[in-house]
């Protein structure tokens, strides 16, 4: 699972590729149930485990992508609902079950 930042100019910057969650797809798993499970996992991770600090996001965007953002902008973005996207390969696999 990866985490991206969609920028106002249309670019997408990778924030994290180390989310460490790989669901086991069994029988009646659907796209909707997988998205629901991902939301539950991410909310738990943020609340209980390892939330990402604003400073670390700002720093990572600068170091990895040479993109300058204000912490206030990052904070505003983090307050929005997360958008969870499944790639085409996974969607096709789930639909074939």
C-alpha atoms as a PDB file:
ATOM      1  CA  UNK A   1       0.000   0.000   0.000  1.00  0.00           C
ATOM      2  CA  UNK A   2       1.347   3.408  -0.939  1.00  0.00           C
ATOM      3  CA  UNK A   3       0.405   6.868   0.229  1.00  0.00           C
ATOM      4  CA  UNK A   4       0.394   9.829  -2.151  1.00  0.00           C
ATOM      5  CA  UNK A   5      -0.114  13.564  -2.014  1.00  0.00           C
ATOM      6  CA  UNK A   6      -2.123  14.988  -4.902  1.00  0.00           C
ATOM      7  CA  UNK A   7      -0.800  18.494  -5.517  1.00  0.00           C
ATOM      8  CA  UNK A   8      -2.790  21.475  -6.752  1.00  0.00           C
ATOM      9  CA  UNK A   9      -0.864  21.515 -10.044  1.00  0.00           C
ATOM     10  CA  UNK A  10      -1.947  17.951 -10.857  1.00  0.00           C
ATOM     11  CA  UNK A  11       1.263  16.218  -9.790  1.00  0.00           C
ATOM     12  CA  UNK A  12       1.205  13.232  -7.476  1.00  0.00           C
ATOM     13  CA  UNK A  13       4.055  12.846  -4.975  1.00  0.00           C
ATOM     14  CA  UNK A  14       4.736   9.607  -3.113  1.00  0.00           C
ATOM     15  CA  UNK A  15       4.709  10.150   0.644  1.00  0.00           C
ATOM     16  CA  UNK A  16       5.152   6.574   1.838  1.00  0.00           C
ATOM     17  CA  UNK A  17       5.664   3.152   0.344  1.00  0.00           C
ATOM     18  CA  UNK A  18       6.189   1.377   3.649  1.00  0.00           C
ATOM     19  CA  UNK A  19       2.619   1.047   4.895  1.00  0.00           C
ATOM     20  CA  UNK A  20       3.209  -2.647   5.555  1.00  0.00           C
ATOM     21  CA  UNK A  21      -0.346  -3.812   4.960  1.00  0.00           C
ATOM     22  CA  UNK A  22      -1.063  -6.558   2.488  1.00  0.00           C
ATOM     23  CA  UNK A  23      -4.538  -8.038   2.837  1.00  0.00           C
ATOM     24  CA  UNK A  24      -5.163 -11.708   2.164  1.00  0.00           C
ATOM     25  CA  UNK A  25      -7.900 -11.874  -0.447  1.00  0.00           C
ATOM     26  CA  UNK A  26     -10.311 -14.711   0.249  1.00  0.00           C
ATOM     27  CA  UNK A  27     -13.522 -15.802  -1.400  1.00  0.00           C
ATOM     28  CA  UNK A  28     -16.109 -13.036  -1.125  1.00  0.00           C
ATOM     29  CA  UNK A  29     -13.822 -10.032  -0.752  1.00  0.00           C
ATOM     30  CA  UNK A  30     -15.161  -7.100  -2.759  1.00  0.00           C
ATOM     31  CA  UNK A  31     -13.679  -3.753  -3.717  1.00  0.00           C
ATOM     32  CA  UNK A  32     -15.976  -2.114  -1.170  1.00  0.00           C
ATOM     33  CA  UNK A  33     -14.945  -4.438   1.660  1.00  0.00           C
ATOM     34  CA  UNK A  34     -11.264  -4.018   0.812  1.00  0.00           C
ATOM     35  CA  UNK A  35     -11.602  -0.206   0.873  1.00  0.00           C
ATOM     36  CA  UNK A  36     -13.503  -0.439   4.189  1.00  0.00           C
ATOM     37  CA  UNK A  37     -10.769  -2.661   5.684  1.00  0.00           C
ATOM     38  CA  UNK A  38      -8.051  -0.288   4.450  1.00  0.00           C
ATOM     39  CA  UNK A  39      -9.834   2.690   6.063  1.00  0.00           C
ATOM     40  CA  UNK A  40     -10.143   0.823   9.371  1.00  0.00           C
ATOM     41  CA  UNK A  41      -6.458  -0.147   9.225  1.00  0.00           C
ATOM     42  CA  UNK A  42      -5.291   3.388   8.432  1.00  0.00           C
ATOM     43  CA  UNK A  43      -7.466   4.959  11.140  1.00  0.00           C
ATOM     44  CA  UNK A  44      -6.129   2.481  13.701  1.00  0.00           C
ATOM     45  CA  UNK A  45      -2.555   3.106  12.579  1.00  0.00           C
ATOM     46  CA  UNK A  46      -2.998   6.876  12.882  1.00  0.00           C
ATOM     47  CA  UNK A  47      -4.657   6.659  16.295  1.00  0.00           C
ATOM     48  CA  UNK A  48      -2.704   3.858  17.955  1.00  0.00           C
ATOM     49  CA  UNK A  49       0.538   3.189  16.187  1.00  0.00           C
ATOM     50  CA  UNK A  50       2.484   5.663  14.202  1.00  0.00           C
ATOM     51  CA  UNK A  51       0.882   8.874  13.022  1.00  0.00           C
ATOM     52  CA  UNK A  52       2.996  10.936  10.653  1.00  0.00           C
ATOM     53  CA  UNK A  53       3.947  14.380  11.901  1.00  0.00           C
ATOM     54  CA  UNK A  54       3.313  17.479   9.808  1.00  0.00           C
ATOM     55  CA  UNK A  55       7.008  18.306   9.937  1.00  0.00           C
ATOM     56  CA  UNK A  56       7.984  14.902   8.539  1.00  0.00           C
ATOM     57  CA  UNK A  57       5.572  15.261   5.599  1.00  0.00           C
ATOM     58  CA  UNK A  58       6.830  18.767   4.799  1.00  0.00           C
ATOM     59  CA  UNK A  59      10.433  17.544   5.047  1.00  0.00           C
ATOM     60  CA  UNK A  60       9.839  14.457   2.918  1.00  0.00           C
ATOM     61  CA  UNK A  61       8.113  16.435   0.147  1.00  0.00           C
ATOM     62  CA  UNK A  62      11.102  18.767   0.042  1.00  0.00           C
ATOM     63  CA  UNK A  63      13.809  16.075   0.189  1.00  0.00           C
ATOM     64  CA  UNK A  64      12.210  13.603  -2.217  1.00  0.00           C
ATOM     65  CA  UNK A  65      10.437  15.918  -4.654  1.00  0.00           C
ATOM     66  CA  UNK A  66      11.818  19.457  -4.099  1.00  0.00           C
ATOM     67  CA  UNK A  67       8.266  20.609  -3.346  1.00  0.00           C
ATOM     68  CA  UNK A  68       7.811  23.306  -0.724  1.00  0.00           C
ATOM     69  CA  UNK A  69       4.558  23.212   1.262  1.00  0.00           C
ATOM     70  CA  UNK A  70       3.416  24.948   4.400  1.00  0.00           C
ATOM     71  CA  UNK A  71       2.532  22.830   7.452  1.00  0.00           C
ATOM     72  CA  UNK A  72      -0.890  24.508   7.503  1.00  0.00           C
ATOM     73  CA  UNK A  73      -1.608  23.158   4.011  1.00  0.00           C
ATOM     74  CA  UNK A  74      -0.578  19.656   5.059  1.00  0.00           C
ATOM     75  CA  UNK A  75      -2.756  19.890   8.156  1.00  0.00           C
ATOM     76  CA  UNK A  76      -5.758  20.996   6.081  1.00  0.00           C
ATOM     77  CA  UNK A  77      -5.214  18.100   3.672  1.00  0.00           C
ATOM     78  CA  UNK A  78      -4.974  15.590   6.521  1.00  0.00           C
ATOM     79  CA  UNK A  79      -8.382  16.712   7.787  1.00  0.00           C
ATOM     80  CA  UNK A  80     -10.006  15.705   4.488  1.00  0.00           C
ATOM     81  CA  UNK A  81     -11.334  12.165   4.074  1.00  0.00           C
ATOM     82  CA  UNK A  82      -8.771   9.786   2.622  1.00  0.00           C
ATOM     83  CA  UNK A  83      -9.289   8.569  -0.913  1.00  0.00           C
ATOM     84  CA  UNK A  84      -8.379   4.919  -1.264  1.00  0.00           C
ATOM     85  CA  UNK A  85      -7.660   3.770  -4.807  1.00  0.00           C
ATOM     86  CA  UNK A  86      -7.354   0.202  -6.010  1.00  0.00           C
ATOM     87  CA  UNK A  87      -5.293  -0.459  -9.119  1.00  0.00           C
ATOM     88  CA  UNK A  88      -6.859  -2.033 -12.203  1.00  0.00           C
ATOM     89  CA  UNK A  89      -5.099  -5.372 -11.681  1.00  0.00           C
ATOM     90  CA  UNK A  90      -6.540  -5.741  -8.167  1.00  0.00           C
ATOM     91  CA  UNK A  91     -10.029  -4.688  -9.277  1.00  0.00           C
ATOM     92  CA  UNK A  92      -9.972  -7.270 -12.086  1.00  0.00           C
ATOM     93  CA  UNK A  93      -8.796  -9.935  -9.675  1.00  0.00           C
ATOM     94  CA  UNK A  94     -11.568  -9.153  -7.183  1.00  0.00           C
ATOM     95  CA  UNK A  95     -14.205  -9.117  -9.918  1.00  0.00           C
ATOM     96  CA  UNK A  96     -13.064 -12.546 -11.118  1.00  0.00           C
ATOM     97  CA  UNK A  97     -13.636 -14.181  -7.720  1.00  0.00           C
END
